[in-house]
Amino acid sequence: MPFPSDLEIASQANLAPLSDIAAAADIPAECLEPYGSGAAKITLDAIEKMADRPRARYVVVSAITPTPLGEGKTTTTVGLGQAFQHIGKSATITIRQPSMGPTFGIKGGAAGGGYSQVVPMELLNLHLTGDMHAVTAAHNLCSAMVDAHLYHGNEAGFDLHNITWRRVLDVNDRSLRNITLGLGGRLDGIPRESGFDITAASEVMAALALATDLHDLRARMGRIVLGYTKDGTPITAEAIGAAGSMTVILREAIKPNLMQTLENTPALVHTGPFGNIATGNSSIVADRIGIHTGDYLLTEAGFGADMGAERFFNIKCRYSGITPDAAVLVATVRGLKAHSGNHKIVAGKDLPPALLEANPDEVHQGGDNLRKQLENMKIHGVTPVVAINVFPGDHDEDIRAIHEIAEEYGARAAVSTHFSDGGRGAAELATAVAEAADEPSNFEVLYPDEMALKDKIHTVATKVYGADGVSYTPAAEKQLATYTDAGFGHLPVCIAKTHLSISAFAERKGAPTGWTLPVREVRASVGAGFVYPICGDMRTMPGLGTKPAAMSIDIDADGNVINLS
């Protein structure tokens, strides 16, 4: 029999009433706001009401540098969350809400996979409780107010060539990357160039993820920089009167969404900031609630440990004040073989046959990536556990090679078959994580707030990426000086680079050395709370491929969703 699709598995889920899920997690019933039968909002007063309860062990799930197909972080997070009940423990997971751009593009949804999914998967991947649309509306309200401000005389003094606030939409649409506004007659606005980003790339989304409560969110909206005057003075959303209305639109969206896994593990699904130019982590408020719901709180960080985990440690933990007890590093045989540089993996195409042959030497060769990512965990003082995400057809000798690499670095490693076996397939991994989390944690951020921005960038580049140093274009040098003069120098840095390599160059696999990080531009997400240097060409509005998932997704004769992945 062929293995059932994710949607087929999800459709057979035995869902428990969400009131029971909340009760098992000790979430007060009065803090639950049902949204149909599949999800519920959790009001933020749950944070205060649960504050005196025991604190869970806090575990971040990251990965080696992924192939274009991904290495299964979300699926591992879900499977591991389910696994704890198989060893007599309780856990809650916090994950990001998927964007409908990738869902209808080539990547698919983000509900997990196989027998390790958050359900109902159609609800999770399609709208959920409308948070994405609230972010879109809040962002675009501010965009409309910028253009109205220009039309009515530009009292704030925007430089038309230095307005940084664009528009957003939760679809993949390359045609909107660069547009001209205000065409038509005099009553149609001030003509200027702008563009669209995908909603996940909005600074509003990043700020929502990093806010600690509603009032903090209001302050962050006010600090958002929309553009600059001709003399370089920043103009904020507060200055044009947009911040209050933006916050009102987000008043419901700041509440985390409660769902469940196939095995009825509580899942908090909230926010979905872009992983390249933002933090790539779920929300602080979800973690502030989840940290008091059981024995373990598992939170996923986007892309590899050099990306999502570094930002989790140095940005999210800095603002949340919650320190991790352990880290999970997801690795696959195929991913490490790809990092040998001997294979080319293309999304949407079959894997190269040679990649599927037993070759432990190739695993060791590509294992340099795993070694560096283990170092990246350890330099933050966090104990790592390697989760060997096993695929059908993986060879025992290749799996042993991953164990050997982990042993070299004094890290635990465990095989996990959660995709095909659900929670029981990750029981060995859960035991290893529990042991690691019981060890003393020496967590620390890589740099202090008062360190200069260039020194922060250099620290991440050399210690996390393995670069020899950093180079700056004249424009980047000027921007850093401007941000420092404007009082933004205390902010952490979120370096925007490719997720397909630890380096800034997607084609360099493994753990590249002998290279320099090229910073061509620097932008400030002051409302979200970080400065982001741009190293390469970052696409903030994806495009659709030749055969996107949207061509297959449909409804059947009974009105059920089909072909959603």
Protein backbone atom coordinates (compact mmCIF):
# COMPACT_ATOMS: atom_id res chain seq x y z
CA MET A 1 0.00 0.00 0.00
CA PRO A 2 1.37 3.46 -0.80
CA PHE A 3 2.03 5.73 2.15
CA PRO A 4 -1.01 8.01 2.62
CA SER A 5 -0.71 11.71 1.89
CA ASP A 6 -0.50 14.25 4.68
CA LEU A 7 -4.04 15.37 3.94
CA GLU A 8 -5.35 11.79 4.02
CA ILE A 9 -3.67 11.21 7.38
CA ALA A 10 -4.94 14.50 8.76
CA SER A 11 -8.49 13.77 7.64
CA GLN A 12 -8.50 10.66 9.85
CA ALA A 13 -7.35 12.55 12.95
CA ASN A 14 -9.16 11.91 16.22
CA LEU A 15 -9.41 15.49 17.45
CA ALA A 16 -10.02 16.16 21.12
CA PRO A 17 -12.15 19.16 22.15
CA LEU A 18 -9.86 22.16 22.43
CA SER A 19 -11.22 22.77 25.92
CA ASP A 20 -9.68 19.41 26.88
CA ILE A 21 -6.37 20.31 25.19
CA ALA A 22 -6.31 23.59 27.13
CA ALA A 23 -7.21 21.90 30.40
CA ALA A 24 -4.43 19.34 29.99
CA ALA A 25 -1.99 22.22 29.48
CA ASP A 26 -3.38 24.15 32.47
CA ILE A 27 -4.49 27.05 30.27
CA PRO A 28 -7.36 28.76 32.13
CA ALA A 29 -10.72 28.07 30.49
CA GLU A 30 -11.70 31.73 30.70
CA CYS A 31 -8.69 32.62 28.53
CA LEU A 32 -9.93 30.51 25.63
CA GLU A 33 -11.82 32.06 22.71
CA PRO A 34 -13.02 29.26 20.37
CA TYR A 35 -12.67 29.73 16.63
CA GLY A 36 -14.90 26.98 15.28
CA SER A 37 -13.90 23.50 16.42
CA GLY A 38 -10.32 23.45 15.12
CA ALA A 39 -8.64 26.42 16.77
CA ALA A 40 -8.99 28.90 19.60
CA LYS A 41 -7.42 32.20 20.53
CA ILE A 42 -5.72 32.51 23.92
CA THR A 43 -6.15 35.89 25.58
CA LEU A 44 -2.97 37.54 26.82
CA ASP A 45 -4.17 37.70 30.42
CA ALA A 46 -3.21 34.00 30.46
CA ILE A 47 0.40 35.18 30.80
CA GLU A 48 -0.24 36.78 34.17
CA LYS A 49 -2.65 34.08 35.35
CA MET A 50 -0.13 31.33 34.62
CA ALA A 51 3.00 33.15 35.78
CA ASP A 52 3.27 31.35 39.13
CA ARG A 53 3.12 27.87 37.60
CA PRO A 54 6.27 25.75 37.14
CA ARG A 55 8.48 26.65 34.21
CA ALA A 56 8.89 24.08 31.46
CA ARG A 57 12.24 23.12 30.01
CA TYR A 58 12.70 25.37 26.98
CA VAL A 59 14.04 23.68 23.83
CA VAL A 60 14.69 25.24 20.42
CA VAL A 61 14.54 23.03 17.32
CA SER A 62 16.90 24.01 14.50
CA ALA A 63 18.75 22.16 11.75
CA ILE A 64 21.75 21.81 9.50
CA THR A 65 21.78 24.13 6.51
CA PRO A 66 18.80 22.83 4.54
CA THR A 67 18.55 21.54 1.01
CA PRO A 68 15.89 23.22 -1.16
CA LEU A 69 13.47 20.54 0.07
CA GLY A 70 14.06 21.17 3.78
CA GLU A 71 15.19 18.69 6.41
CA GLY A 72 11.96 18.33 8.38
CA LYS A 73 12.25 20.79 11.28
CA THR A 74 8.52 21.34 11.70
CA THR A 75 7.77 17.63 11.37
CA THR A 76 10.48 16.90 13.95
CA THR A 77 9.14 19.55 16.31
CA VAL A 78 5.67 18.02 16.11
CA GLY A 79 6.90 14.44 16.39
CA LEU A 80 9.14 15.27 19.34
CA GLY A 81 6.27 17.07 21.06
CA GLN A 82 4.15 13.96 20.65
CA ALA A 83 6.98 11.71 21.80
CA PHE A 84 7.22 13.08 25.33
CA GLN A 85 3.93 11.47 26.33
CA HIS A 86 5.46 8.14 25.26
CA ILE A 87 8.17 8.57 27.93
CA GLY A 88 5.79 9.79 30.62
CA LYS A 89 6.28 13.54 30.12
CA SER A 90 4.16 16.39 28.77
CA ALA A 91 5.07 18.94 26.13
CA THR A 92 3.70 21.89 24.20
CA ILE A 93 4.99 23.04 20.82
CA THR A 94 5.09 26.57 19.38
CA ILE A 95 5.41 26.95 15.61
CA ARG A 96 4.96 29.66 13.01
CA GLN A 97 1.83 30.14 10.96
CA PRO A 98 2.48 29.27 7.30
CA SER A 99 2.20 31.84 4.55
CA MET A 100 -0.20 31.06 1.73
CA GLY A 101 2.46 32.18 -0.75
CA PRO A 102 4.59 29.02 -0.28
CA THR A 103 1.48 26.91 0.41
CA PHE A 104 0.20 27.61 -3.11
CA GLY A 105 3.72 27.76 -4.52
CA ILE A 106 6.22 24.91 -4.33
CA LYS A 107 7.11 24.50 -0.66
CA GLY A 108 3.66 23.50 0.56
CA GLY A 109 2.24 24.16 4.01
CA ALA A 110 3.88 24.06 7.39
CA ALA A 111 1.73 21.72 9.45
CA GLY A 112 4.39 19.02 9.73
CA GLY A 113 4.05 15.80 7.79
CA GLY A 114 3.08 12.15 7.90
CA TYR A 115 2.04 11.10 11.38
CA SER A 116 3.55 14.21 12.95
CA GLN A 117 1.18 17.01 12.00
CA VAL A 118 -0.74 19.86 13.55
CA VAL A 119 -4.43 19.52 12.70
CA PRO A 120 -6.77 20.46 11.15
CA MET A 121 -4.08 20.94 8.52
CA GLU A 122 -6.41 22.72 6.06
CA LEU A 123 -7.27 25.31 8.71
CA LEU A 124 -3.62 25.80 9.67
CA ASN A 125 -2.47 26.28 6.08
CA LEU A 126 -5.46 28.32 4.84
CA HIS A 127 -6.20 31.54 6.74
CA LEU A 128 -6.33 29.99 10.27
CA THR A 129 -7.88 32.78 12.39
CA GLY A 130 -6.96 35.58 9.99
CA ASP A 131 -3.74 36.80 11.63
CA MET A 132 -1.91 37.00 8.29
CA HIS A 133 -4.67 39.16 6.87
CA ALA A 134 -4.61 41.42 9.93
CA VAL A 135 -0.88 41.98 9.42
CA THR A 136 -1.51 42.69 5.73
CA ALA A 137 -4.26 45.19 6.59
CA ALA A 138 -2.25 46.97 9.30
CA HIS A 139 0.80 47.26 7.04
CA ASN A 140 -1.18 48.51 4.04
CA LEU A 141 -3.16 50.99 6.14
CA CYS A 142 0.17 52.56 7.02
CA SER A 143 1.17 52.50 3.34
CA ALA A 144 -2.05 54.29 2.40
CA MET A 145 -1.45 56.88 5.12
CA VAL A 146 2.07 57.55 3.80
CA ASP A 147 0.70 58.28 0.34
CA ALA A 148 -2.17 60.34 1.74
CA HIS A 149 0.39 62.32 3.74
CA LEU A 150 2.34 63.01 0.55
CA TYR A 151 -0.80 63.99 -1.33
CA HIS A 152 -1.91 66.45 1.34
CA GLY A 153 1.33 68.41 1.42
CA ASN A 154 4.03 66.15 2.94
CA GLU A 155 4.24 68.04 6.22
CA ALA A 156 6.74 65.54 7.65
CA GLY A 157 9.09 66.21 4.75
CA PHE A 158 9.49 62.74 3.23
CA ASP A 159 12.23 62.48 0.62
CA LEU A 160 10.32 60.81 -2.23
CA HIS A 161 13.46 58.87 -3.13
CA ASN A 162 13.97 57.55 0.39
CA ILE A 163 10.59 56.15 1.44
CA THR A 164 11.32 52.64 2.69
CA TRP A 165 7.77 51.50 3.52
CA ARG A 166 6.29 49.34 0.75
CA ARG A 167 3.10 47.28 0.55
CA VAL A 168 2.51 43.59 1.31
CA LEU A 169 0.36 40.70 0.11
CA ASP A 170 0.21 37.05 1.23
CA VAL A 171 0.75 35.53 -2.20
CA ASN A 172 3.70 34.78 -4.44
CA ASP A 173 3.56 37.41 -7.20
CA ARG A 174 6.82 38.47 -8.84
CA SER A 175 5.02 41.07 -10.99
CA LEU A 176 4.43 43.22 -7.91
CA ARG A 177 8.05 43.38 -6.75
CA ASN A 178 8.54 46.80 -8.32
CA ILE A 179 5.67 49.13 -9.19
CA THR A 180 4.90 52.77 -9.85
CA LEU A 181 2.26 54.39 -7.66
CA GLY A 182 0.04 57.40 -8.25
CA LEU A 183 -0.41 57.07 -12.01
CA GLY A 184 -3.41 58.76 -13.58
CA GLY A 185 -4.48 62.29 -12.86
CA ARG A 186 -3.78 64.81 -10.12
CA LEU A 187 -6.41 63.26 -7.83
CA ASP A 188 -4.78 59.83 -7.99
CA GLY A 189 -1.82 60.55 -5.75
CA ILE A 190 1.85 61.46 -6.02
CA PRO A 191 3.70 59.33 -8.61
CA ARG A 192 6.63 57.43 -7.14
CA GLU A 193 8.31 54.04 -7.32
CA SER A 194 7.58 51.37 -4.72
CA GLY A 195 6.72 47.67 -4.59
CA PHE A 196 5.21 44.75 -2.74
CA ASP A 197 6.73 42.23 -0.33
CA ILE A 198 5.09 39.05 0.90
CA THR A 199 3.25 39.55 4.19
CA ALA A 200 5.70 37.35 6.10
CA ALA A 201 8.42 39.89 5.22
CA SER A 202 6.49 42.80 6.74
CA GLU A 203 8.08 44.58 9.67
CA VAL A 204 4.62 44.49 11.24
CA MET A 205 4.89 40.68 11.29
CA ALA A 206 8.36 40.81 12.85
CA ALA A 207 7.17 43.28 15.48
CA LEU A 208 4.13 41.13 16.27
CA ALA A 209 6.43 38.15 16.81
CA LEU A 210 8.76 40.06 19.14
CA ALA A 211 6.19 42.04 21.16
CA THR A 212 5.78 40.96 24.76
CA ASP A 213 2.23 42.32 25.16
CA LEU A 214 -0.29 44.63 23.49
CA HIS A 215 1.23 47.83 24.89
CA ASP A 216 4.70 46.78 23.76
CA LEU A 217 3.23 46.14 20.30
CA ARG A 218 1.74 49.66 20.29
CA ALA A 219 5.14 51.12 21.10
CA ARG A 220 6.79 49.04 18.37
CA MET A 221 4.25 50.22 15.78
CA GLY A 222 5.07 53.80 16.71
CA ARG A 223 8.81 53.25 16.24
CA ILE A 224 8.51 51.84 12.71
CA VAL A 225 10.56 54.00 10.34
CA LEU A 226 8.71 54.70 7.08
CA GLY A 227 11.31 56.82 5.35
CA TYR A 228 13.66 59.75 5.76
CA THR A 229 13.84 63.46 5.11
CA LYS A 230 16.43 64.85 2.72
CA ASP A 231 18.80 65.43 5.63
CA GLY A 232 18.44 61.79 6.79
CA THR A 233 16.06 62.29 9.71
CA PRO A 234 13.86 59.18 10.18
CA ILE A 235 10.07 59.59 9.93
CA THR A 236 8.05 57.11 11.99
CA ALA A 237 4.53 55.69 11.88
CA GLU A 238 3.89 57.67 15.07
CA ALA A 239 4.83 60.89 13.32
CA ILE A 240 2.11 60.52 10.68
CA GLY A 241 -0.51 59.22 13.13
CA ALA A 242 -0.68 55.64 11.83
CA ALA A 243 0.56 53.59 14.80
CA GLY A 244 -2.61 53.57 16.89
CA SER A 245 -4.87 52.31 14.10
CA MET A 246 -2.31 49.71 13.09
CA THR A 247 -2.33 48.34 16.64
CA VAL A 248 -6.13 48.27 16.74
CA ILE A 249 -6.16 46.09 13.61
CA LEU A 250 -3.71 43.72 15.35
CA ARG A 251 -5.63 43.59 18.63
CA GLU A 252 -6.93 40.07 17.96
CA ALA A 253 -3.92 38.92 15.96
CA ILE A 254 -1.59 39.27 18.97
CA LYS A 255 -3.46 36.44 20.70
CA PRO A 256 -1.78 33.06 20.01
CA ASN A 257 -3.77 30.29 18.33
CA LEU A 258 -4.27 26.99 20.15
CA MET A 259 -4.42 23.84 18.03
CA GLN A 260 -3.36 20.22 18.53
CA THR A 261 -1.24 17.52 16.92
CA LEU A 262 -2.46 14.17 15.63
CA GLU A 263 -1.74 12.77 19.11
CA ASN A 264 -3.47 15.68 20.88
CA THR A 265 -0.31 17.49 21.98
CA PRO A 266 -1.03 21.22 22.51
CA ALA A 267 0.27 23.39 19.66
CA LEU A 268 0.52 27.18 19.82
CA VAL A 269 0.62 28.55 16.28
CA HIS A 270 1.47 32.23 16.05
CA THR A 271 3.13 34.68 13.65
CA GLY A 272 5.31 33.84 10.68
CA PRO A 273 8.17 36.30 10.17
CA PHE A 274 10.30 35.82 7.06
CA GLY A 275 13.39 33.72 7.71
CA ASN A 276 15.84 35.65 5.51
CA ILE A 277 15.35 39.28 6.54
CA ALA A 278 13.61 38.75 9.89
CA THR A 279 13.86 36.38 12.84
CA GLY A 280 12.10 33.32 11.39
CA ASN A 281 10.68 32.43 14.82
CA SER A 282 7.20 32.18 16.30
CA SER A 283 5.99 34.72 18.83
CA ILE A 284 7.26 35.67 22.25
CA VAL A 285 3.71 35.82 23.67
CA ALA A 286 3.10 32.20 22.60
CA ASP A 287 6.28 31.16 24.41
CA ARG A 288 5.35 33.20 27.50
CA ILE A 289 2.15 31.17 27.71
CA GLY A 290 3.62 27.85 26.61
CA ILE A 291 6.48 27.98 29.13
CA HIS A 292 3.96 27.23 31.88
CA THR A 293 1.95 24.47 30.17
CA GLY A 294 3.89 21.26 30.81
CA ASP A 295 7.28 19.67 31.28
CA TYR A 296 8.75 20.87 27.97
CA LEU A 297 8.16 23.74 25.57
CA LEU A 298 9.51 23.10 22.07
CA THR A 299 9.86 26.05 19.72
CA GLU A 300 11.04 25.90 16.12
CA ALA A 301 13.55 28.31 14.55
CA GLY A 302 13.59 28.75 10.76
CA PHE A 303 16.26 27.51 8.36
CA GLY A 304 19.64 26.32 9.69
CA ALA A 305 21.18 27.02 13.08
CA ASP A 306 23.24 29.85 11.56
CA MET A 307 19.98 31.60 10.68
CA GLY A 308 16.88 30.93 12.81
CA ALA A 309 18.69 29.63 15.89
CA GLU A 310 21.21 32.48 15.93
CA ARG A 311 18.32 34.95 15.78
CA PHE A 312 16.41 32.99 18.39
CA PHE A 313 19.36 33.27 20.74
CA ASN A 314 20.44 36.84 20.04
CA ILE A 315 17.15 38.57 19.22
CA LYS A 316 14.16 36.60 20.49
CA CYS A 317 15.69 35.50 23.81
CA ARG A 318 17.12 39.00 24.31
CA TYR A 319 13.60 40.47 24.17
CA SER A 320 11.68 37.64 25.84
CA GLY A 321 14.04 37.07 28.75
CA ILE A 322 13.36 33.31 28.48
CA THR A 323 16.56 31.29 28.24
CA PRO A 324 16.81 27.89 26.50
CA ASP A 325 17.75 24.68 28.29
CA ALA A 326 18.69 22.62 25.22
CA ALA A 327 18.67 22.66 21.43
CA VAL A 328 17.75 20.07 18.81
CA LEU A 329 19.69 20.03 15.55
CA VAL A 330 17.82 18.16 12.80
CA ALA A 331 20.05 16.36 10.32
CA THR A 332 19.32 14.02 7.43
CA VAL A 333 21.51 11.65 5.49
CA ARG A 334 20.49 13.24 2.19
CA GLY A 335 21.15 16.76 3.54
CA LEU A 336 24.69 15.95 4.67
CA LYS A 337 25.45 14.16 1.41
CA ALA A 338 24.28 17.26 -0.42
CA HIS A 339 26.74 19.29 1.65
CA SER A 340 29.58 17.19 0.25
CA GLY A 341 29.09 19.24 -2.90
CA ASN A 342 28.77 16.10 -5.02
CA HIS A 343 25.05 16.39 -5.76
CA LYS A 344 22.65 18.98 -7.07
CA ILE A 345 19.18 19.02 -5.51
CA VAL A 346 16.48 20.97 -7.32
CA ALA A 347 13.08 21.59 -5.78
CA GLY A 348 10.34 19.91 -7.79
CA LYS A 349 12.69 17.33 -9.35
CA ASP A 350 13.61 13.79 -8.29
CA LEU A 351 16.66 13.36 -6.05
CA PRO A 352 19.85 12.29 -7.87
CA PRO A 353 20.10 8.45 -7.76
CA ALA A 354 23.68 8.60 -6.44
CA LEU A 355 22.43 10.54 -3.41
CA LEU A 356 20.35 7.52 -2.38
CA GLU A 357 23.25 5.04 -2.42
CA ALA A 358 25.09 4.06 0.77
CA ASN A 359 28.16 6.27 1.18
CA PRO A 360 29.23 7.00 4.79
CA ASP A 361 32.41 8.74 3.58
CA GLU A 362 30.24 11.27 1.79
CA VAL A 363 28.18 11.79 4.96
CA HIS A 364 31.40 12.53 6.84
CA GLN A 365 32.51 14.89 4.08
CA GLY A 366 29.27 16.85 4.19
CA GLY A 367 29.30 16.49 7.97
CA ASP A 368 31.40 19.64 8.21
CA ASN A 369 28.09 21.49 8.10
CA LEU A 370 26.76 19.52 11.06
CA ARG A 371 30.02 20.09 12.95
CA LYS A 372 29.81 23.86 12.45
CA GLN A 373 26.15 24.01 13.42
CA LEU A 374 26.92 22.06 16.60
CA GLU A 375 29.59 24.66 17.35
CA ASN A 376 27.02 27.39 16.76
CA MET A 377 24.82 25.89 19.45
CA LYS A 378 27.68 25.48 21.88
CA ILE A 379 29.07 29.02 21.55
CA HIS A 380 25.73 30.18 22.96
CA GLY A 381 26.17 27.84 25.93
CA VAL A 382 23.33 25.51 24.91
CA THR A 383 23.55 21.70 24.92
CA PRO A 384 22.70 20.31 21.46
CA VAL A 385 21.05 17.01 20.53
CA VAL A 386 21.26 15.73 16.95
CA ALA A 387 17.91 14.48 15.66
CA ILE A 388 18.59 12.07 12.81
CA ASN A 389 15.45 12.44 10.72
CA VAL A 390 15.33 9.09 8.94
CA PHE A 391 13.79 8.72 5.50
CA PRO A 392 12.71 5.39 3.97
CA GLY A 393 15.69 3.92 2.16
CA ASP A 394 18.35 5.51 4.40
CA HIS A 395 21.23 3.11 4.96
CA ASP A 396 22.41 1.98 8.40
CA GLU A 397 26.05 2.80 7.65
CA ASP A 398 25.10 6.36 6.66
CA ILE A 399 23.09 6.80 9.84
CA ARG A 400 26.04 5.50 11.89
CA ALA A 401 28.22 8.16 10.27
CA ILE A 402 25.97 10.89 11.70
CA HIS A 403 26.24 9.27 15.15
CA GLU A 404 30.03 9.34 14.78
CA ILE A 405 30.06 13.05 13.92
CA ALA A 406 27.89 13.83 16.95
CA GLU A 407 30.18 11.79 19.18
CA GLU A 408 33.21 13.78 17.93
CA TYR A 409 31.57 16.89 19.36
CA GLY A 410 30.33 15.29 22.56
CA ALA A 411 26.69 15.64 21.48
CA ARG A 412 23.87 13.17 21.93
CA ALA A 413 22.26 11.83 18.77
CA ALA A 414 19.08 9.83 18.29
CA VAL A 415 17.33 8.28 15.33
CA SER A 416 13.78 9.49 14.81
CA THR A 417 11.08 8.00 12.58
CA HIS A 418 8.32 10.36 13.60
CA PHE A 419 7.12 10.94 10.03
CA SER A 420 6.06 7.33 9.60
CA ASP A 421 5.60 6.32 13.25
CA GLY A 422 4.38 9.47 14.98
CA GLY A 423 5.36 10.14 18.58
CA ARG A 424 6.57 6.64 19.36
CA GLY A 425 9.09 6.99 16.52
CA ALA A 426 10.68 9.94 18.34
CA ALA A 427 10.73 8.42 21.85
CA GLU A 428 14.49 7.84 21.73
CA LEU A 429 14.96 11.47 20.71
CA ALA A 430 12.68 12.68 23.51
CA THR A 431 14.76 10.77 26.06
CA ALA A 432 17.98 12.33 24.74
CA VAL A 433 16.45 15.82 24.79
CA ALA A 434 15.19 15.33 28.35
CA GLU A 435 18.69 14.33 29.46
CA ALA A 436 20.27 17.34 27.72
CA ALA A 437 17.72 19.76 29.17
CA ASP A 438 18.49 18.51 32.68
CA GLU A 439 22.12 19.55 32.32
CA PRO A 440 23.10 23.03 33.58
CA SER A 441 22.60 25.68 30.90
CA ASN A 442 25.22 28.38 30.39
CA PHE A 443 23.26 30.35 27.82
CA GLU A 444 24.54 33.76 26.80
CA VAL A 445 23.98 36.09 23.87
CA LEU A 446 26.94 36.66 21.56
CA TYR A 447 27.21 40.40 22.06
CA PRO A 448 25.98 43.13 24.43
CA ASP A 449 23.53 45.86 23.44
CA GLU A 450 26.17 48.56 23.73
CA MET A 451 28.52 46.96 21.18
CA ALA A 452 28.81 48.98 17.95
CA LEU A 453 26.73 47.74 15.00
CA LYS A 454 29.79 46.92 12.90
CA ASP A 455 31.26 44.91 15.76
CA LYS A 456 27.99 43.00 16.17
CA ILE A 457 27.99 42.14 12.47
CA HIS A 458 31.64 41.07 12.66
CA THR A 459 30.93 38.89 15.70
CA VAL A 460 28.12 36.96 14.01
CA ALA A 461 29.99 36.71 10.70
CA THR A 462 33.17 35.30 12.21
CA LYS A 463 31.84 33.23 15.09
CA VAL A 464 28.66 31.82 13.55
CA TYR A 465 29.26 31.86 9.79
CA GLY A 466 33.01 31.18 9.87
CA ALA A 467 33.88 34.24 7.75
CA ASP A 468 37.32 35.81 7.87
CA GLY A 469 35.82 39.27 8.11
CA VAL A 470 33.26 41.70 6.70
CA SER A 471 33.37 44.14 3.78
CA TYR A 472 31.01 47.08 3.30
CA THR A 473 29.92 49.09 0.28
CA PRO A 474 30.11 52.89 0.71
CA ALA A 475 26.30 52.93 0.90
CA ALA A 476 26.31 50.39 3.75
CA GLU A 477 28.96 52.37 5.63
CA LYS A 478 26.83 55.52 5.31
CA GLN A 479 23.67 53.72 6.43
CA LEU A 480 25.37 52.29 9.53
CA ALA A 481 26.60 55.74 10.46
CA THR A 482 23.12 57.18 9.93
CA TYR A 483 21.49 54.53 12.14
CA THR A 484 24.06 55.03 14.87
CA ASP A 485 23.52 58.79 14.80
CA ALA A 486 19.74 58.23 14.91
CA GLY A 487 20.09 56.21 18.13
CA PHE A 488 19.60 52.72 16.67
CA GLY A 489 23.07 51.43 17.55
CA HIS A 490 21.84 49.51 20.60
CA LEU A 491 19.69 47.19 18.46
CA PRO A 492 20.70 43.58 17.70
CA VAL A 493 21.56 42.61 14.13
CA CYS A 494 19.65 40.25 11.87
CA ILE A 495 21.91 39.47 8.93
CA ALA A 496 20.02 38.83 5.68
CA LYS A 497 21.84 36.22 3.64
CA THR A 498 21.15 33.01 1.78
CA HIS A 499 19.70 30.15 3.85
CA LEU A 500 21.26 27.53 1.53
CA SER A 501 24.80 27.99 2.87
CA ILE A 502 26.42 28.96 6.15
CA SER A 503 28.31 31.46 4.02
CA ALA A 504 26.77 34.31 2.02
CA PHE A 505 27.03 32.28 -1.18
CA ALA A 506 24.36 29.65 -1.88
CA GLU A 507 26.65 27.44 -3.96
CA ARG A 508 29.20 26.95 -1.14
CA LYS A 509 28.25 23.83 0.75
CA GLY A 510 29.51 22.28 3.98
CA ALA A 511 31.25 24.81 6.24
CA PRO A 512 33.08 27.23 3.93
CA THR A 513 36.23 29.00 5.09
CA GLY A 514 38.43 31.70 3.58
CA TRP A 515 35.65 34.09 2.63
CA THR A 516 34.44 37.58 3.53
CA LEU A 517 30.85 38.57 4.31
CA PRO A 518 29.83 41.25 1.75
CA VAL A 519 27.38 43.80 3.19
CA ARG A 520 25.92 45.77 0.29
CA GLU A 521 23.12 47.54 2.16
CA VAL A 522 21.84 47.99 5.72
CA ARG A 523 18.22 48.58 6.73
CA ALA A 524 16.63 49.21 10.10
CA SER A 525 13.49 47.51 11.41
CA VAL A 526 13.29 49.84 14.38
CA GLY A 527 9.74 48.86 15.31
CA ALA A 528 10.55 45.16 15.25
CA GLY A 529 13.77 45.93 17.09
CA PHE A 530 16.74 45.02 14.91
CA VAL A 531 19.05 46.29 12.18
CA TYR A 532 19.45 44.05 9.15
CA PRO A 533 22.50 44.10 6.92
CA ILE A 534 21.77 42.70 3.45
CA CYS A 535 24.35 40.33 2.00
CA GLY A 536 23.25 39.35 -1.48
CA ASP A 537 20.03 39.60 -3.45
CA MET A 538 17.15 38.97 -1.04
CA ARG A 539 13.82 38.27 -2.70
CA THR A 540 11.10 39.51 -0.36
CA MET A 541 8.32 38.70 -2.84
CA PRO A 542 8.63 35.14 -4.21
CA GLY A 543 7.32 34.10 -7.60
CA LEU A 544 5.32 31.09 -8.74
CA GLY A 545 7.00 28.24 -10.59
CA THR A 546 5.94 26.51 -13.79
CA LYS A 547 3.64 24.12 -11.94
CA PRO A 548 2.78 25.65 -8.55
CA ALA A 549 0.75 23.73 -6.00
CA ALA A 550 -2.13 26.08 -6.80
CA MET A 551 -2.68 24.14 -10.03
CA SER A 552 -3.48 20.95 -8.09
CA ILE A 553 -5.32 22.14 -4.98
CA ASP A 554 -9.08 21.82 -5.37
CA ILE A 555 -12.27 20.64 -3.68
CA ASP A 556 -13.99 17.30 -4.28
CA ALA A 557 -17.67 16.55 -4.85
CA ASP A 558 -18.31 16.69 -1.09
CA GLY A 559 -16.64 20.09 -0.70
CA ASN A 560 -13.46 18.71 0.92
CA VAL A 561 -10.03 20.19 0.18
CA ILE A 562 -7.84 17.89 -1.91
CA ASN A 563 -4.16 17.88 -2.93
CA LEU A 564 -3.08 20.27 -0.18
CA SER A 565 0.41 19.38 1.04
